[in-house]
C-alpha cells in the first residue's frame, strides 16, 4: 500500500511539473542549441552563419509572439532558398525550430 501511495504521489508531481511555466530561452541558449545541429557528412554547411541569421532576427525589437514567429518564418524562407543545394536543410530546419521555441518561451500566448 505504501508503494502504491508513493507511486501515485510521484505521478501527480510529474503531471504537475509539466504544467509549470517554461523558463524563457536566452539568445545564448538559442545559439548553443542551434550550433550543435549536424548536417549530412557530404554537406558544405556553415552552421554558425545559418544560426546567426536566425539570431539577428531574434535580437531585433519584437513586440509580440506573432511578430517574433513572422520573423522566424521570413528567416526560414530566405535560408531555405539560399541553402537549397548545399545540404544545409537539417540545420535550417533545426534553426527554425529553435527560433520558434525562443519566441514561444519569451512571448507567451495571451491568457497563458
N, C-alpha and C. Protein backbone atom coordinates (compact mmCIF):
# COMPACT_ATOMS: atom_id res chain seq x y z
N UNK A 1 0.82 -1.19 0.00
CA UNK A 1 0.00 0.00 0.00
C UNK A 1 0.86 1.25 0.00
N UNK A 2 1.93 1.18 0.76
CA UNK A 2 2.83 2.33 0.85
C UNK A 2 3.47 2.61 -0.51
N UNK A 3 3.85 1.58 -1.23
CA UNK A 3 4.46 1.74 -2.55
C UNK A 3 3.46 2.34 -3.53
N UNK A 4 2.23 1.89 -3.47
CA UNK A 4 1.17 2.42 -4.33
C UNK A 4 0.95 3.91 -4.06
N UNK A 5 0.94 4.30 -2.80
CA UNK A 5 0.77 5.72 -2.44
C UNK A 5 1.93 6.54 -2.95
N UNK A 6 3.12 6.02 -2.80
CA UNK A 6 4.31 6.72 -3.28
C UNK A 6 4.28 6.88 -4.79
N UNK A 7 3.89 5.83 -5.50
CA UNK A 7 3.79 5.89 -6.96
C UNK A 7 2.74 6.91 -7.39
N UNK A 8 1.63 6.94 -6.69
CA UNK A 8 0.56 7.90 -7.00
C UNK A 8 1.05 9.32 -6.80
N UNK A 9 1.77 9.56 -5.71
CA UNK A 9 2.31 10.88 -5.43
C UNK A 9 3.30 11.29 -6.51
N UNK A 10 4.16 10.39 -6.90
CA UNK A 10 5.13 10.69 -7.95
C UNK A 10 4.44 10.98 -9.29
N UNK A 11 3.39 10.28 -9.60
CA UNK A 11 2.65 10.52 -10.83
C UNK A 11 2.01 11.91 -10.82
N UNK A 12 1.44 12.30 -9.68
CA UNK A 12 0.83 13.63 -9.56
C UNK A 12 1.89 14.71 -9.69
N UNK A 13 3.03 14.53 -9.05
CA UNK A 13 4.11 15.52 -9.14
C UNK A 13 4.64 15.63 -10.56
N UNK A 14 4.77 14.53 -11.24
CA UNK A 14 5.26 14.55 -12.62
C UNK A 14 4.27 15.27 -13.53
N UNK A 15 2.99 15.03 -13.32
CA UNK A 15 1.96 15.71 -14.12
C UNK A 15 1.96 17.20 -13.84
N UNK A 16 2.12 17.58 -12.59
CA UNK A 16 2.13 18.99 -12.22
C UNK A 16 3.37 19.69 -12.79
N UNK A 17 4.48 19.00 -12.85
CA UNK A 17 5.70 19.60 -13.39
C UNK A 17 5.52 19.99 -14.85
N UNK A 18 4.76 19.24 -15.57
CA UNK A 18 4.51 19.56 -16.98
C UNK A 18 3.65 20.78 -17.16
N UNK A 19 2.95 21.19 -16.13
CA UNK A 19 2.07 22.36 -16.20
C UNK A 19 2.77 23.64 -15.80
N UNK A 20 3.96 23.56 -15.26
CA UNK A 20 4.68 24.75 -14.82
C UNK A 20 5.17 25.55 -16.02
N UNK A 21 5.32 26.84 -15.81
CA UNK A 21 5.79 27.72 -16.88
C UNK A 21 7.22 27.35 -17.27
N UNK A 22 7.50 27.44 -18.55
CA UNK A 22 8.83 27.15 -19.05
C UNK A 22 9.69 28.40 -18.96
N UNK A 23 10.91 28.24 -18.54
CA UNK A 23 11.84 29.35 -18.43
C UNK A 23 12.14 29.88 -19.83
N UNK A 24 12.13 31.21 -20.02
CA UNK A 24 12.44 31.75 -21.35
C UNK A 24 13.83 31.33 -21.83
N UNK A 25 13.91 30.99 -23.09
CA UNK A 25 15.17 30.61 -23.72
C UNK A 25 15.97 31.89 -23.96
N UNK A 26 17.22 31.91 -23.58
CA UNK A 26 18.06 33.08 -23.84
C UNK A 26 18.66 32.98 -25.23
N UNK A 27 19.16 34.10 -25.74
CA UNK A 27 19.78 34.09 -27.07
C UNK A 27 21.05 33.24 -27.05
N UNK A 28 21.73 33.19 -25.93
CA UNK A 28 22.92 32.34 -25.80
C UNK A 28 22.54 30.87 -25.87
N UNK A 29 21.45 30.50 -25.19
CA UNK A 29 20.98 29.11 -25.26
C UNK A 29 20.51 28.77 -26.67
N UNK A 30 19.84 29.73 -27.32
CA UNK A 30 19.43 29.51 -28.70
C UNK A 30 20.64 29.18 -29.57
N UNK A 31 21.67 30.03 -29.48
CA UNK A 31 22.87 29.81 -30.30
C UNK A 31 23.51 28.46 -29.98
N UNK A 32 23.67 28.15 -28.71
CA UNK A 32 24.30 26.89 -28.32
C UNK A 32 23.57 25.68 -28.87
N UNK A 33 22.26 25.70 -28.82
CA UNK A 33 21.48 24.57 -29.34
C UNK A 33 21.50 24.54 -30.86
N UNK A 34 21.39 25.69 -31.48
CA UNK A 34 21.37 25.75 -32.94
C UNK A 34 22.72 25.32 -33.53
N UNK A 35 23.81 25.78 -32.94
CA UNK A 35 25.14 25.46 -33.46
C UNK A 35 25.43 23.96 -33.46
N UNK A 36 24.77 23.23 -32.57
CA UNK A 36 25.06 21.80 -32.43
C UNK A 36 24.39 20.92 -33.48
N UNK A 37 23.54 21.49 -34.30
CA UNK A 37 22.85 20.69 -35.32
C UNK A 37 23.85 20.24 -36.37
N UNK A 38 23.78 18.99 -36.72
CA UNK A 38 24.69 18.44 -37.73
C UNK A 38 23.98 18.30 -39.08
N UNK A 39 24.66 18.73 -40.11
CA UNK A 39 24.19 18.47 -41.47
C UNK A 39 24.77 17.12 -41.88
N UNK A 40 24.42 16.66 -43.05
CA UNK A 40 24.97 15.38 -43.50
C UNK A 40 26.47 15.50 -43.71
N UNK A 41 27.14 14.38 -43.70
CA UNK A 41 28.60 14.39 -43.84
C UNK A 41 29.05 14.96 -45.18
N UNK A 42 28.23 14.87 -46.19
CA UNK A 42 28.59 15.35 -47.52
C UNK A 42 28.22 16.83 -47.72
N UNK A 43 27.62 17.43 -46.73
CA UNK A 43 27.13 18.81 -46.86
C UNK A 43 28.27 19.81 -46.71
N UNK A 44 28.12 20.91 -47.40
CA UNK A 44 29.02 22.04 -47.25
C UNK A 44 28.24 23.12 -46.52
N UNK A 45 28.12 22.96 -45.20
CA UNK A 45 27.22 23.79 -44.42
C UNK A 45 27.96 24.50 -43.30
N UNK A 46 27.75 25.80 -43.21
CA UNK A 46 28.30 26.61 -42.13
C UNK A 46 27.19 26.86 -41.11
N UNK A 47 27.15 26.02 -40.09
CA UNK A 47 26.09 26.12 -39.07
C UNK A 47 26.01 27.51 -38.46
N UNK A 48 27.15 28.10 -38.19
CA UNK A 48 27.16 29.37 -37.48
C UNK A 48 26.47 30.46 -38.30
N UNK A 49 26.73 30.54 -39.59
CA UNK A 49 26.09 31.59 -40.39
C UNK A 49 24.58 31.39 -40.47
N UNK A 50 24.14 30.14 -40.54
CA UNK A 50 22.70 29.86 -40.56
C UNK A 50 22.08 30.28 -39.23
N UNK A 51 22.69 29.87 -38.14
CA UNK A 51 22.14 30.19 -36.82
C UNK A 51 22.18 31.69 -36.54
N UNK A 52 23.21 32.37 -37.01
CA UNK A 52 23.30 33.81 -36.80
C UNK A 52 22.23 34.57 -37.58
N UNK A 53 21.79 34.02 -38.71
CA UNK A 53 20.70 34.65 -39.44
C UNK A 53 19.43 34.65 -38.60
N UNK A 54 19.17 33.54 -37.92
CA UNK A 54 18.02 33.48 -37.02
C UNK A 54 18.25 34.38 -35.80
N UNK A 55 19.45 34.34 -35.23
CA UNK A 55 19.74 35.11 -34.03
C UNK A 55 19.56 36.61 -34.27
N UNK A 56 19.95 37.09 -35.43
CA UNK A 56 19.78 38.52 -35.71
C UNK A 56 18.30 38.89 -35.75
N UNK A 57 17.47 37.98 -36.22
CA UNK A 57 16.02 38.20 -36.20
C UNK A 57 15.53 38.24 -34.76
N UNK A 58 16.01 37.33 -33.93
CA UNK A 58 15.55 37.26 -32.55
C UNK A 58 16.05 38.42 -31.70
N UNK A 59 17.18 38.99 -32.06
CA UNK A 59 17.73 40.10 -31.30
C UNK A 59 17.09 41.44 -31.66
N UNK A 60 16.33 41.48 -32.73
CA UNK A 60 15.64 42.71 -33.12
C UNK A 60 14.51 42.99 -32.12
N UNK A 61 14.11 44.24 -32.06
CA UNK A 61 12.98 44.59 -31.19
C UNK A 61 11.73 43.90 -31.69
N UNK A 62 11.13 43.10 -30.84
CA UNK A 62 9.93 42.35 -31.21
C UNK A 62 8.83 42.70 -30.20
N UNK A 63 7.64 42.97 -30.71
CA UNK A 63 6.55 43.41 -29.85
C UNK A 63 5.68 42.27 -29.32
N UNK A 64 5.63 41.16 -30.04
CA UNK A 64 4.69 40.11 -29.65
C UNK A 64 5.13 38.76 -30.19
N UNK A 65 4.41 37.73 -29.75
CA UNK A 65 4.65 36.37 -30.25
C UNK A 65 4.46 36.32 -31.76
N UNK A 66 3.41 36.96 -32.26
CA UNK A 66 3.14 36.91 -33.70
C UNK A 66 4.27 37.52 -34.52
N UNK A 67 4.79 38.67 -34.11
CA UNK A 67 5.87 39.29 -34.88
C UNK A 67 7.15 38.48 -34.77
N UNK A 68 7.38 37.86 -33.63
CA UNK A 68 8.56 37.01 -33.47
C UNK A 68 8.46 35.80 -34.40
N UNK A 69 7.28 35.16 -34.42
CA UNK A 69 7.07 33.99 -35.28
C UNK A 69 7.17 34.37 -36.75
N UNK A 70 6.68 35.54 -37.12
CA UNK A 70 6.79 36.00 -38.50
C UNK A 70 8.26 36.19 -38.88
N UNK A 71 9.06 36.71 -37.96
CA UNK A 71 10.49 36.85 -38.20
C UNK A 71 11.16 35.51 -38.44
N UNK A 72 10.78 34.50 -37.67
CA UNK A 72 11.32 33.14 -37.87
C UNK A 72 10.93 32.63 -39.24
N UNK A 73 9.67 32.82 -39.62
CA UNK A 73 9.18 32.34 -40.92
C UNK A 73 9.92 33.03 -42.07
N UNK A 74 10.13 34.34 -41.96
CA UNK A 74 10.87 35.05 -43.02
C UNK A 74 12.30 34.56 -43.12
N UNK A 75 12.95 34.38 -41.96
CA UNK A 75 14.33 33.88 -41.97
C UNK A 75 14.39 32.48 -42.56
N UNK A 76 13.46 31.63 -42.18
CA UNK A 76 13.43 30.27 -42.69
C UNK A 76 13.26 30.25 -44.20
N UNK A 77 12.33 31.04 -44.72
CA UNK A 77 12.10 31.08 -46.18
C UNK A 77 13.35 31.55 -46.91
N UNK A 78 13.99 32.58 -46.38
CA UNK A 78 15.21 33.10 -47.01
C UNK A 78 16.34 32.06 -46.97
N UNK A 79 16.49 31.39 -45.84
CA UNK A 79 17.57 30.40 -45.70
C UNK A 79 17.31 29.15 -46.53
N UNK A 80 16.06 28.73 -46.65
CA UNK A 80 15.74 27.58 -47.50
C UNK A 80 16.16 27.86 -48.94
N UNK A 81 15.84 29.06 -49.41
CA UNK A 81 16.23 29.43 -50.80
C UNK A 81 17.74 29.48 -50.96
N UNK A 82 18.43 30.08 -50.01
CA UNK A 82 19.87 30.25 -50.19
C UNK A 82 20.68 28.98 -49.92
N UNK A 83 20.08 28.00 -49.26
CA UNK A 83 20.80 26.75 -48.97
C UNK A 83 20.12 25.54 -49.60
N UNK A 84 19.44 25.76 -50.69
CA UNK A 84 18.66 24.69 -51.32
C UNK A 84 19.54 23.53 -51.81
N UNK A 85 20.75 23.82 -52.20
CA UNK A 85 21.57 22.78 -52.83
C UNK A 85 22.82 22.38 -52.05
N UNK A 86 23.04 22.96 -50.88
CA UNK A 86 24.30 22.67 -50.19
C UNK A 86 24.19 21.68 -49.03
N UNK A 87 23.04 21.07 -48.85
CA UNK A 87 22.89 20.07 -47.80
C UNK A 87 22.68 20.65 -46.41
N UNK A 88 22.37 21.93 -46.35
CA UNK A 88 22.18 22.60 -45.06
C UNK A 88 20.75 22.50 -44.54
N UNK A 89 19.90 21.78 -45.23
CA UNK A 89 18.49 21.71 -44.85
C UNK A 89 18.25 21.35 -43.39
N UNK A 90 18.93 20.33 -42.84
CA UNK A 90 18.70 19.99 -41.44
C UNK A 90 19.05 21.13 -40.47
N UNK A 91 20.09 21.88 -40.79
CA UNK A 91 20.49 23.00 -39.94
C UNK A 91 19.47 24.13 -40.05
N UNK A 92 19.00 24.42 -41.27
CA UNK A 92 18.00 25.46 -41.48
C UNK A 92 16.71 25.10 -40.74
N UNK A 93 16.28 23.86 -40.85
CA UNK A 93 15.04 23.43 -40.18
C UNK A 93 15.19 23.43 -38.66
N UNK A 94 16.32 22.97 -38.17
CA UNK A 94 16.54 22.96 -36.72
C UNK A 94 16.62 24.39 -36.19
N UNK A 95 17.28 25.27 -36.93
CA UNK A 95 17.34 26.67 -36.53
C UNK A 95 15.96 27.28 -36.43
N UNK A 96 15.09 26.92 -37.38
CA UNK A 96 13.71 27.41 -37.34
C UNK A 96 12.98 26.87 -36.11
N UNK A 97 13.19 25.60 -35.80
CA UNK A 97 12.56 25.02 -34.61
C UNK A 97 13.00 25.74 -33.34
N UNK A 98 14.31 26.04 -33.24
CA UNK A 98 14.82 26.74 -32.07
C UNK A 98 14.34 28.19 -32.05
N UNK A 99 14.20 28.79 -33.21
CA UNK A 99 13.67 30.16 -33.31
C UNK A 99 12.25 30.20 -32.77
N UNK A 100 11.43 29.26 -33.19
CA UNK A 100 10.04 29.19 -32.72
C UNK A 100 10.00 28.94 -31.20
N UNK A 101 10.87 28.07 -30.72
CA UNK A 101 10.91 27.80 -29.27
C UNK A 101 11.28 29.07 -28.51
N UNK A 102 12.25 29.83 -29.04
CA UNK A 102 12.64 31.10 -28.43
C UNK A 102 11.43 32.03 -28.34
N UNK A 103 10.71 32.16 -29.44
CA UNK A 103 9.53 33.04 -29.46
C UNK A 103 8.49 32.58 -28.45
N UNK A 104 8.20 31.31 -28.43
CA UNK A 104 7.14 30.79 -27.55
C UNK A 104 7.50 30.92 -26.06
N UNK A 105 8.77 30.85 -25.73
CA UNK A 105 9.15 30.97 -24.32
C UNK A 105 9.34 32.42 -23.90
N UNK A 106 9.64 33.31 -24.82
CA UNK A 106 9.86 34.71 -24.48
C UNK A 106 8.61 35.57 -24.65
N UNK A 107 7.69 35.14 -25.48
CA UNK A 107 6.45 35.87 -25.73
C UNK A 107 5.28 34.90 -25.61
N UNK A 108 4.89 34.56 -24.38
CA UNK A 108 3.82 33.58 -24.22
C UNK A 108 2.52 34.06 -24.83
N UNK A 109 1.71 33.11 -25.23
CA UNK A 109 0.41 33.43 -25.81
C UNK A 109 -0.45 34.14 -24.77
N UNK A 110 -1.21 35.13 -25.20
CA UNK A 110 -2.07 35.84 -24.24
C UNK A 110 -3.01 34.87 -23.54
N UNK A 111 -3.16 35.09 -22.24
CA UNK A 111 -4.07 34.23 -21.47
C UNK A 111 -3.42 32.99 -20.92
N UNK A 112 -2.12 32.79 -21.17
CA UNK A 112 -1.45 31.59 -20.66
C UNK A 112 -0.40 31.96 -19.65
